Amino acid sequence: MGSECKDNREEVIQAWYMDDSNEDQRLPHHKEPKEFVSLDKLAELGVLSWRLDADNYETDEELKKIRESRGYSYVDFCEVCPEKLPNYEEKIKNFFEEHLHTDEEIRYAVAGSGYFDVRDRNEAWIRVWVKKGGMIVLPAGIYHRFTLDTNNYIKV
């Protein structure tokens, strides 16, 4: 008698291969049939993920351990929504431009949700949906972009 052990990260982070549609970037853009990507496969690409307690991020011991072990000392917040982000339309277009960084990029959703799209080794787009409590680290050198989902709000 075995019981299926579900990874609790999957409740706040899901990933799938994207279709090639030019429809609204805030839509899920699943392929037909849907082709999900495991968090283990993301890890093979260098995309790390955690599920954390977003309601208590200031005192979360697990977050503290991650920050210490990975050498993260800097913290800033960005609220992405039309009401809170100056020059919203321009910024959201810039976020959705494919780019890469020479350092890893750490994103922890303490509220809301959004999509971080990353390229796999064959240049196909994988859409990573991060919801409240999800934290991801994109490795240096991975091509990526960001957009909100249809909720139009994330605080990272």
N, C-alpha and C. Protein backbone atom coordinates (compact mmCIF):
# COMPACT_ATOMS: atom_id res chain seq x y z
N MET A 1 0.83 -1.18 0.00
CA MET A 1 0.00 0.00 0.00
C MET A 1 0.88 1.24 0.00
N GLY A 2 0.89 1.97 -1.08
CA GLY A 2 1.70 3.18 -1.13
C GLY A 2 0.81 4.40 -1.19
N SER A 3 1.29 5.46 -0.64
CA SER A 3 0.54 6.70 -0.75
C SER A 3 1.33 7.65 -1.63
N GLU A 4 0.62 8.36 -2.47
CA GLU A 4 1.27 9.29 -3.38
C GLU A 4 1.68 10.53 -2.60
N CYS A 5 2.93 10.88 -2.69
CA CYS A 5 3.45 12.04 -1.97
C CYS A 5 3.58 13.19 -2.95
N LYS A 6 2.70 14.17 -2.84
CA LYS A 6 2.73 15.32 -3.73
C LYS A 6 3.68 16.37 -3.18
N ASP A 7 4.46 16.95 -4.05
CA ASP A 7 5.38 18.02 -3.69
C ASP A 7 4.55 19.27 -3.39
N ASN A 8 4.64 19.79 -2.16
CA ASN A 8 3.78 20.92 -1.81
C ASN A 8 4.15 22.20 -2.55
N ARG A 9 5.32 22.23 -3.19
CA ARG A 9 5.67 23.39 -4.02
C ARG A 9 4.72 23.53 -5.20
N GLU A 10 4.17 22.41 -5.67
CA GLU A 10 3.30 22.43 -6.84
C GLU A 10 2.00 23.18 -6.59
N GLU A 11 1.68 23.45 -5.33
CA GLU A 11 0.49 24.24 -5.03
C GLU A 11 0.72 25.72 -5.32
N VAL A 12 1.98 26.15 -5.36
CA VAL A 12 2.28 27.57 -5.59
C VAL A 12 3.19 27.81 -6.80
N ILE A 13 3.72 26.75 -7.38
CA ILE A 13 4.57 26.87 -8.56
C ILE A 13 4.22 25.74 -9.53
N GLN A 14 3.82 26.11 -10.74
CA GLN A 14 3.53 25.12 -11.77
C GLN A 14 4.22 25.57 -13.05
N ALA A 15 4.54 24.61 -13.92
CA ALA A 15 5.24 24.95 -15.15
C ALA A 15 4.74 24.10 -16.30
N TRP A 16 4.79 24.67 -17.49
CA TRP A 16 4.37 23.97 -18.70
C TRP A 16 5.02 24.59 -19.92
N TYR A 17 5.08 23.79 -21.01
CA TYR A 17 5.54 24.32 -22.28
C TYR A 17 4.45 25.21 -22.87
N MET A 18 4.89 26.33 -23.44
CA MET A 18 3.96 27.31 -23.97
C MET A 18 3.63 27.05 -25.44
N ASP A 19 2.43 27.49 -25.83
CA ASP A 19 2.06 27.49 -27.24
C ASP A 19 2.73 28.70 -27.92
N ASP A 20 2.51 28.84 -29.22
CA ASP A 20 3.12 29.94 -29.98
C ASP A 20 2.15 31.07 -30.25
N SER A 21 1.04 31.10 -29.54
CA SER A 21 0.01 32.11 -29.77
C SER A 21 0.50 33.51 -29.41
N ASN A 22 0.00 34.49 -30.15
CA ASN A 22 0.28 35.90 -29.84
C ASN A 22 -0.85 36.54 -29.06
N GLU A 23 -1.77 35.72 -28.54
CA GLU A 23 -2.86 36.26 -27.73
C GLU A 23 -2.30 36.94 -26.49
N ASP A 24 -3.17 37.56 -25.74
CA ASP A 24 -2.85 38.27 -24.49
C ASP A 24 -1.78 37.51 -23.70
N GLN A 25 -0.66 38.15 -23.43
CA GLN A 25 0.45 37.49 -22.73
C GLN A 25 0.09 37.04 -21.33
N ARG A 26 -1.02 37.58 -20.76
CA ARG A 26 -1.42 37.23 -19.40
C ARG A 26 -2.20 35.92 -19.34
N LEU A 27 -2.52 35.35 -20.48
CA LEU A 27 -3.22 34.06 -20.52
C LEU A 27 -2.23 32.92 -20.29
N PRO A 28 -2.71 31.74 -19.89
CA PRO A 28 -1.80 30.63 -19.57
C PRO A 28 -0.93 30.14 -20.75
N HIS A 29 -1.46 30.17 -21.97
CA HIS A 29 -0.72 29.72 -23.16
C HIS A 29 -0.25 28.28 -23.06
N HIS A 30 -1.17 27.39 -22.67
CA HIS A 30 -0.86 25.96 -22.68
C HIS A 30 -0.81 25.46 -24.11
N LYS A 31 0.04 24.46 -24.37
CA LYS A 31 0.00 23.73 -25.63
C LYS A 31 -1.22 22.81 -25.58
N GLU A 32 -1.65 22.34 -26.73
CA GLU A 32 -2.71 21.33 -26.79
C GLU A 32 -2.12 20.08 -27.42
N PRO A 33 -2.09 18.94 -26.74
CA PRO A 33 -2.50 18.77 -25.35
C PRO A 33 -1.50 19.45 -24.41
N LYS A 34 -1.95 19.68 -23.19
CA LYS A 34 -1.11 20.36 -22.20
C LYS A 34 0.15 19.53 -21.94
N GLU A 35 1.27 20.23 -21.80
CA GLU A 35 2.55 19.56 -21.58
C GLU A 35 3.23 20.19 -20.35
N PHE A 36 2.96 19.60 -19.19
CA PHE A 36 3.49 20.15 -17.94
C PHE A 36 4.97 19.81 -17.78
N VAL A 37 5.66 20.63 -17.02
CA VAL A 37 7.09 20.45 -16.75
C VAL A 37 7.24 20.30 -15.24
N SER A 38 7.94 19.27 -14.81
CA SER A 38 8.11 19.03 -13.37
C SER A 38 9.09 20.05 -12.77
N LEU A 39 8.97 20.24 -11.47
CA LEU A 39 9.90 21.12 -10.78
C LEU A 39 11.31 20.52 -10.80
N ASP A 40 11.41 19.20 -10.88
CA ASP A 40 12.72 18.55 -11.01
C ASP A 40 13.36 18.90 -12.35
N LYS A 41 12.55 18.92 -13.41
CA LYS A 41 13.08 19.30 -14.74
C LYS A 41 13.53 20.76 -14.72
N LEU A 42 12.75 21.63 -14.06
CA LEU A 42 13.18 23.03 -13.93
C LEU A 42 14.53 23.10 -13.21
N ALA A 43 14.68 22.29 -12.16
CA ALA A 43 15.94 22.28 -11.41
C ALA A 43 17.11 21.86 -12.30
N GLU A 44 16.86 20.94 -13.25
CA GLU A 44 17.91 20.54 -14.19
C GLU A 44 18.37 21.73 -15.04
N LEU A 45 17.46 22.68 -15.27
CA LEU A 45 17.79 23.91 -16.01
C LEU A 45 18.41 24.97 -15.10
N GLY A 46 18.47 24.67 -13.81
CA GLY A 46 19.03 25.61 -12.85
C GLY A 46 18.00 26.47 -12.15
N VAL A 47 16.70 26.26 -12.47
CA VAL A 47 15.63 27.03 -11.84
C VAL A 47 15.24 26.32 -10.54
N LEU A 48 15.56 26.95 -9.43
CA LEU A 48 15.29 26.38 -8.11
C LEU A 48 13.97 26.91 -7.58
N SER A 49 13.32 26.15 -6.70
CA SER A 49 12.01 26.58 -6.21
C SER A 49 11.77 26.12 -4.78
N TRP A 50 10.98 26.94 -4.08
CA TRP A 50 10.59 26.65 -2.71
C TRP A 50 9.15 27.10 -2.50
N ARG A 51 8.50 26.48 -1.53
CA ARG A 51 7.22 26.98 -1.03
C ARG A 51 7.47 27.50 0.38
N LEU A 52 7.14 28.77 0.60
CA LEU A 52 7.40 29.42 1.88
C LEU A 52 6.13 30.02 2.45
N ASP A 53 6.21 30.49 3.68
CA ASP A 53 5.08 31.08 4.39
C ASP A 53 5.03 32.58 4.09
N ALA A 54 4.31 32.96 3.05
CA ALA A 54 4.28 34.36 2.60
C ALA A 54 3.61 35.28 3.62
N ASP A 55 2.75 34.74 4.46
CA ASP A 55 2.09 35.59 5.46
C ASP A 55 3.04 35.99 6.59
N ASN A 56 4.13 35.25 6.73
CA ASN A 56 5.09 35.51 7.81
C ASN A 56 6.52 35.59 7.28
N TYR A 57 6.70 36.18 6.09
CA TYR A 57 8.02 36.19 5.48
C TYR A 57 9.07 36.92 6.32
N GLU A 58 8.65 37.87 7.13
CA GLU A 58 9.62 38.62 7.94
C GLU A 58 10.25 37.77 9.04
N THR A 59 9.54 36.73 9.48
CA THR A 59 10.04 35.88 10.57
C THR A 59 10.21 34.42 10.17
N ASP A 60 10.06 34.11 8.89
CA ASP A 60 10.11 32.73 8.40
C ASP A 60 11.52 32.16 8.53
N GLU A 61 11.66 31.14 9.38
CA GLU A 61 12.97 30.51 9.62
C GLU A 61 13.51 29.83 8.37
N GLU A 62 12.62 29.21 7.58
CA GLU A 62 13.09 28.54 6.36
C GLU A 62 13.68 29.57 5.39
N LEU A 63 13.01 30.71 5.23
CA LEU A 63 13.53 31.77 4.36
C LEU A 63 14.87 32.26 4.90
N LYS A 64 14.96 32.41 6.19
CA LYS A 64 16.21 32.87 6.81
C LYS A 64 17.35 31.90 6.49
N LYS A 65 17.08 30.60 6.59
CA LYS A 65 18.11 29.59 6.29
C LYS A 65 18.53 29.65 4.82
N ILE A 66 17.55 29.81 3.92
CA ILE A 66 17.86 29.90 2.49
C ILE A 66 18.74 31.12 2.23
N ARG A 67 18.35 32.24 2.80
CA ARG A 67 19.12 33.48 2.60
C ARG A 67 20.55 33.33 3.11
N GLU A 68 20.70 32.73 4.28
CA GLU A 68 22.04 32.55 4.84
C GLU A 68 22.88 31.58 4.01
N SER A 69 22.29 30.44 3.63
CA SER A 69 23.05 29.43 2.90
C SER A 69 23.43 29.89 1.49
N ARG A 70 22.62 30.76 0.89
CA ARG A 70 22.89 31.22 -0.47
C ARG A 70 23.54 32.61 -0.51
N GLY A 71 23.75 33.20 0.66
CA GLY A 71 24.42 34.50 0.72
C GLY A 71 23.58 35.67 0.26
N TYR A 72 22.26 35.59 0.46
CA TYR A 72 21.38 36.69 0.06
C TYR A 72 21.26 37.67 1.22
N SER A 73 21.70 38.90 1.00
CA SER A 73 21.61 39.91 2.06
C SER A 73 20.70 41.06 1.67
N TYR A 74 20.44 41.24 0.38
CA TYR A 74 19.66 42.37 -0.10
C TYR A 74 18.19 41.97 -0.25
N VAL A 75 17.29 42.86 0.16
CA VAL A 75 15.86 42.62 0.00
C VAL A 75 15.23 43.89 -0.56
N ASP A 76 14.40 43.73 -1.57
CA ASP A 76 13.56 44.83 -2.03
C ASP A 76 12.23 44.25 -2.47
N PHE A 77 11.23 45.10 -2.57
CA PHE A 77 9.90 44.66 -2.98
C PHE A 77 9.47 45.46 -4.20
N CYS A 78 8.72 44.79 -5.05
CA CYS A 78 8.14 45.45 -6.21
C CYS A 78 6.70 44.98 -6.33
N GLU A 79 5.78 45.92 -6.35
CA GLU A 79 4.37 45.60 -6.58
C GLU A 79 4.07 45.92 -8.03
N VAL A 80 3.69 44.90 -8.78
CA VAL A 80 3.40 45.07 -10.20
C VAL A 80 1.90 45.02 -10.39
N CYS A 81 1.33 46.20 -10.62
CA CYS A 81 -0.09 46.35 -10.94
C CYS A 81 -0.26 47.79 -11.43
N PRO A 82 -1.31 48.06 -12.19
CA PRO A 82 -1.48 49.41 -12.75
C PRO A 82 -1.53 50.50 -11.69
N GLU A 83 -2.08 50.21 -10.52
CA GLU A 83 -2.25 51.24 -9.49
C GLU A 83 -0.97 51.55 -8.72
N LYS A 84 -0.03 50.62 -8.67
CA LYS A 84 1.14 50.78 -7.79
C LYS A 84 2.46 51.01 -8.52
N LEU A 85 2.55 50.63 -9.78
CA LEU A 85 3.82 50.71 -10.49
C LEU A 85 3.83 51.91 -11.43
N PRO A 86 4.69 52.91 -11.16
CA PRO A 86 4.78 54.06 -12.07
C PRO A 86 5.17 53.59 -13.48
N ASN A 87 4.63 54.25 -14.49
CA ASN A 87 4.90 53.89 -15.89
C ASN A 87 4.58 52.41 -16.15
N TYR A 88 3.45 51.97 -15.63
CA TYR A 88 3.07 50.56 -15.67
C TYR A 88 3.16 49.95 -17.07
N GLU A 89 2.51 50.57 -18.06
CA GLU A 89 2.47 49.99 -19.41
C GLU A 89 3.87 49.80 -19.98
N GLU A 90 4.72 50.80 -19.81
CA GLU A 90 6.09 50.72 -20.30
C GLU A 90 6.87 49.64 -19.57
N LYS A 91 6.72 49.57 -18.26
CA LYS A 91 7.46 48.58 -17.45
C LYS A 91 7.03 47.16 -17.79
N ILE A 92 5.72 46.94 -17.94
CA ILE A 92 5.24 45.58 -18.22
C ILE A 92 5.75 45.11 -19.58
N LYS A 93 5.86 46.03 -20.54
CA LYS A 93 6.44 45.68 -21.85
C LYS A 93 7.91 45.33 -21.69
N ASN A 94 8.63 46.11 -20.89
CA ASN A 94 10.06 45.83 -20.65
C ASN A 94 10.26 44.49 -19.96
N PHE A 95 9.42 44.20 -18.95
CA PHE A 95 9.54 42.92 -18.24
C PHE A 95 9.35 41.73 -19.18
N PHE A 96 8.49 41.92 -20.22
CA PHE A 96 8.18 40.81 -21.12
C PHE A 96 9.18 40.68 -22.26
N GLU A 97 10.15 41.58 -22.34
CA GLU A 97 11.22 41.44 -23.33
C GLU A 97 12.17 40.36 -22.85
N GLU A 98 12.49 39.43 -23.74
CA GLU A 98 13.42 38.36 -23.40
C GLU A 98 14.79 38.96 -23.06
N HIS A 99 15.36 38.51 -21.95
CA HIS A 99 16.65 39.03 -21.52
C HIS A 99 17.33 38.01 -20.61
N LEU A 100 18.57 38.31 -20.23
CA LEU A 100 19.27 37.47 -19.26
C LEU A 100 20.08 38.37 -18.34
N HIS A 101 20.53 37.81 -17.24
CA HIS A 101 21.34 38.54 -16.26
C HIS A 101 22.64 37.77 -16.03
N THR A 102 23.66 38.50 -15.60
CA THR A 102 24.93 37.85 -15.27
C THR A 102 24.92 37.29 -13.85
N ASP A 103 23.92 37.67 -13.06
CA ASP A 103 23.73 37.12 -11.72
C ASP A 103 22.38 36.40 -11.67
N GLU A 104 22.22 35.50 -10.71
CA GLU A 104 20.92 34.85 -10.58
C GLU A 104 19.86 35.87 -10.16
N GLU A 105 18.62 35.55 -10.47
CA GLU A 105 17.49 36.42 -10.13
C GLU A 105 16.60 35.67 -9.16
N ILE A 106 16.32 36.28 -8.02
CA ILE A 106 15.53 35.66 -6.97
C ILE A 106 14.18 36.36 -6.93
N ARG A 107 13.09 35.60 -7.00
CA ARG A 107 11.75 36.18 -6.93
C ARG A 107 10.89 35.36 -5.98
N TYR A 108 10.33 36.05 -5.00
CA TYR A 108 9.49 35.43 -3.97
C TYR A 108 8.16 36.17 -3.98
N ALA A 109 7.09 35.48 -4.35
CA ALA A 109 5.76 36.09 -4.40
C ALA A 109 5.16 36.10 -3.00
N VAL A 110 5.11 37.28 -2.39
CA VAL A 110 4.49 37.40 -1.07
C VAL A 110 3.01 37.72 -1.20
N ALA A 111 2.57 38.07 -2.41
CA ALA A 111 1.15 38.30 -2.71
C ALA A 111 0.97 38.22 -4.22
N GLY A 112 -0.23 37.82 -4.64
CA GLY A 112 -0.54 37.79 -6.06
C GLY A 112 0.12 36.63 -6.78
N SER A 113 0.25 36.79 -8.12
CA SER A 113 0.78 35.73 -8.96
C SER A 113 1.22 36.30 -10.30
N GLY A 114 2.08 35.55 -10.97
CA GLY A 114 2.55 35.97 -12.29
C GLY A 114 3.32 34.85 -12.96
N TYR A 115 3.71 35.11 -14.21
CA TYR A 115 4.42 34.12 -15.02
C TYR A 115 5.86 34.54 -15.26
N PHE A 116 6.77 33.64 -14.98
CA PHE A 116 8.17 33.79 -15.35
C PHE A 116 8.42 32.77 -16.45
N ASP A 117 8.69 33.23 -17.65
CA ASP A 117 8.95 32.35 -18.77
C ASP A 117 10.45 32.16 -18.92
N VAL A 118 10.88 30.91 -19.09
CA VAL A 118 12.30 30.60 -19.25
C VAL A 118 12.48 29.72 -20.48
N ARG A 119 13.64 29.83 -21.09
CA ARG A 119 13.97 28.98 -22.24
C ARG A 119 14.62 27.69 -21.76
N ASP A 120 14.20 26.58 -22.38
CA ASP A 120 14.87 25.32 -22.08
C ASP A 120 16.12 25.20 -22.97
N ARG A 121 16.79 24.08 -22.92
CA ARG A 121 18.04 23.91 -23.68
C ARG A 121 17.80 23.86 -25.19
N ASN A 122 16.55 23.64 -25.60
CA ASN A 122 16.21 23.62 -27.03
C ASN A 122 15.55 24.92 -27.47
N GLU A 123 15.62 25.94 -26.63
CA GLU A 123 15.08 27.27 -26.91
C GLU A 123 13.55 27.34 -26.83
N ALA A 124 12.88 26.30 -26.35
CA ALA A 124 11.42 26.33 -26.18
C ALA A 124 11.09 27.08 -24.89
N TRP A 125 9.97 27.81 -24.92
CA TRP A 125 9.54 28.55 -23.73
C TRP A 125 8.82 27.64 -22.75
N ILE A 126 9.22 27.74 -21.49
CA ILE A 126 8.50 27.10 -20.38
C ILE A 126 7.92 28.22 -19.55
N ARG A 127 6.62 28.15 -19.31
CA ARG A 127 5.93 29.15 -18.48
C ARG A 127 5.91 28.65 -17.04
N VAL A 128 6.44 29.44 -16.12
CA VAL A 128 6.49 29.08 -14.70
C VAL A 128 5.53 30.02 -13.97
N TRP A 129 4.44 29.45 -13.48
CA TRP A 129 3.41 30.22 -12.79
C TRP A 129 3.73 30.22 -11.30
N VAL A 130 4.03 31.40 -10.78
CA VAL A 130 4.40 31.53 -9.37
C VAL A 130 3.28 32.27 -8.66
N LYS A 131 2.76 31.62 -7.61
CA LYS A 131 1.67 32.20 -6.82
C LYS A 131 2.19 32.53 -5.42
N LYS A 132 1.35 33.18 -4.64
CA LYS A 132 1.71 33.57 -3.28
C LYS A 132 2.35 32.40 -2.53
N GLY A 133 3.53 32.64 -1.98
CA GLY A 133 4.26 31.61 -1.25
C GLY A 133 5.32 30.91 -2.08
N GLY A 134 5.31 31.12 -3.38
CA GLY A 134 6.31 30.50 -4.25
C GLY A 134 7.55 31.36 -4.39
N MET A 135 8.71 30.74 -4.28
CA MET A 135 9.96 31.45 -4.51
C MET A 135 10.77 30.68 -5.54
N ILE A 136 11.29 31.40 -6.53
CA ILE A 136 12.14 30.78 -7.53
C ILE A 136 13.45 31.55 -7.64
N VAL A 137 14.47 30.82 -8.07
CA VAL A 137 15.76 31.42 -8.40
C VAL A 137 16.05 31.04 -9.84
N LEU A 138 16.20 32.06 -10.69
CA LEU A 138 16.59 31.86 -12.07
C LEU A 138 18.11 31.97 -12.13
N PRO A 139 18.78 30.99 -12.75
CA PRO A 139 20.24 31.04 -12.77
C PRO A 139 20.77 32.15 -13.67
N ALA A 140 21.97 32.59 -13.40
CA ALA A 140 22.63 33.55 -14.29
C ALA A 140 22.69 32.94 -15.68
N GLY A 141 22.44 33.77 -16.69
CA GLY A 141 22.59 33.33 -18.07
C GLY A 141 21.40 32.65 -18.69
N ILE A 142 20.29 32.47 -17.97
CA ILE A 142 19.11 31.85 -18.58
C ILE A 142 18.24 32.96 -19.18
N TYR A 143 17.82 32.74 -20.42
CA TYR A 143 16.92 33.70 -21.05
C TYR A 143 15.55 33.58 -20.40
N HIS A 144 14.97 34.73 -20.07
CA HIS A 144 13.68 34.73 -19.38
C HIS A 144 12.95 36.04 -19.63
N ARG A 145 11.70 36.06 -19.17
CA ARG A 145 10.86 37.26 -19.22
C ARG A 145 9.78 37.09 -18.17
N PHE A 146 9.05 38.17 -17.89
CA PHE A 146 8.01 38.14 -16.86
C PHE A 146 6.76 38.82 -17.38
N THR A 147 5.61 38.31 -16.96
CA THR A 147 4.34 39.00 -17.18
C THR A 147 3.39 38.63 -16.05
N LEU A 148 2.46 39.51 -15.82
CA LEU A 148 1.38 39.19 -14.88
C LEU A 148 0.47 38.15 -15.49
N ASP A 149 -0.33 37.49 -14.66
CA ASP A 149 -1.42 36.67 -15.16
C ASP A 149 -2.67 37.54 -15.18
N THR A 150 -3.83 36.95 -15.38
CA THR A 150 -5.05 37.75 -15.51
C THR A 150 -5.51 38.38 -14.20
N ASN A 151 -4.87 38.04 -13.08
CA ASN A 151 -5.18 38.73 -11.82
C ASN A 151 -4.57 40.13 -11.76
N ASN A 152 -3.62 40.40 -12.65
CA ASN A 152 -2.99 41.73 -12.77
C ASN A 152 -2.35 42.24 -11.48
N TYR A 153 -1.80 41.34 -10.67
CA TYR A 153 -1.14 41.80 -9.44
C TYR A 153 -0.15 40.76 -8.93
N ILE A 154 1.03 41.24 -8.59
CA ILE A 154 2.00 40.43 -7.86
C ILE A 154 2.85 41.37 -7.02
N LYS A 155 3.21 40.90 -5.85
CA LYS A 155 4.19 41.60 -5.01
C LYS A 155 5.32 40.62 -4.78
N VAL A 156 6.51 40.99 -5.28
CA VAL A 156 7.69 40.14 -5.15
C VAL A 156 8.78 40.90 -4.43
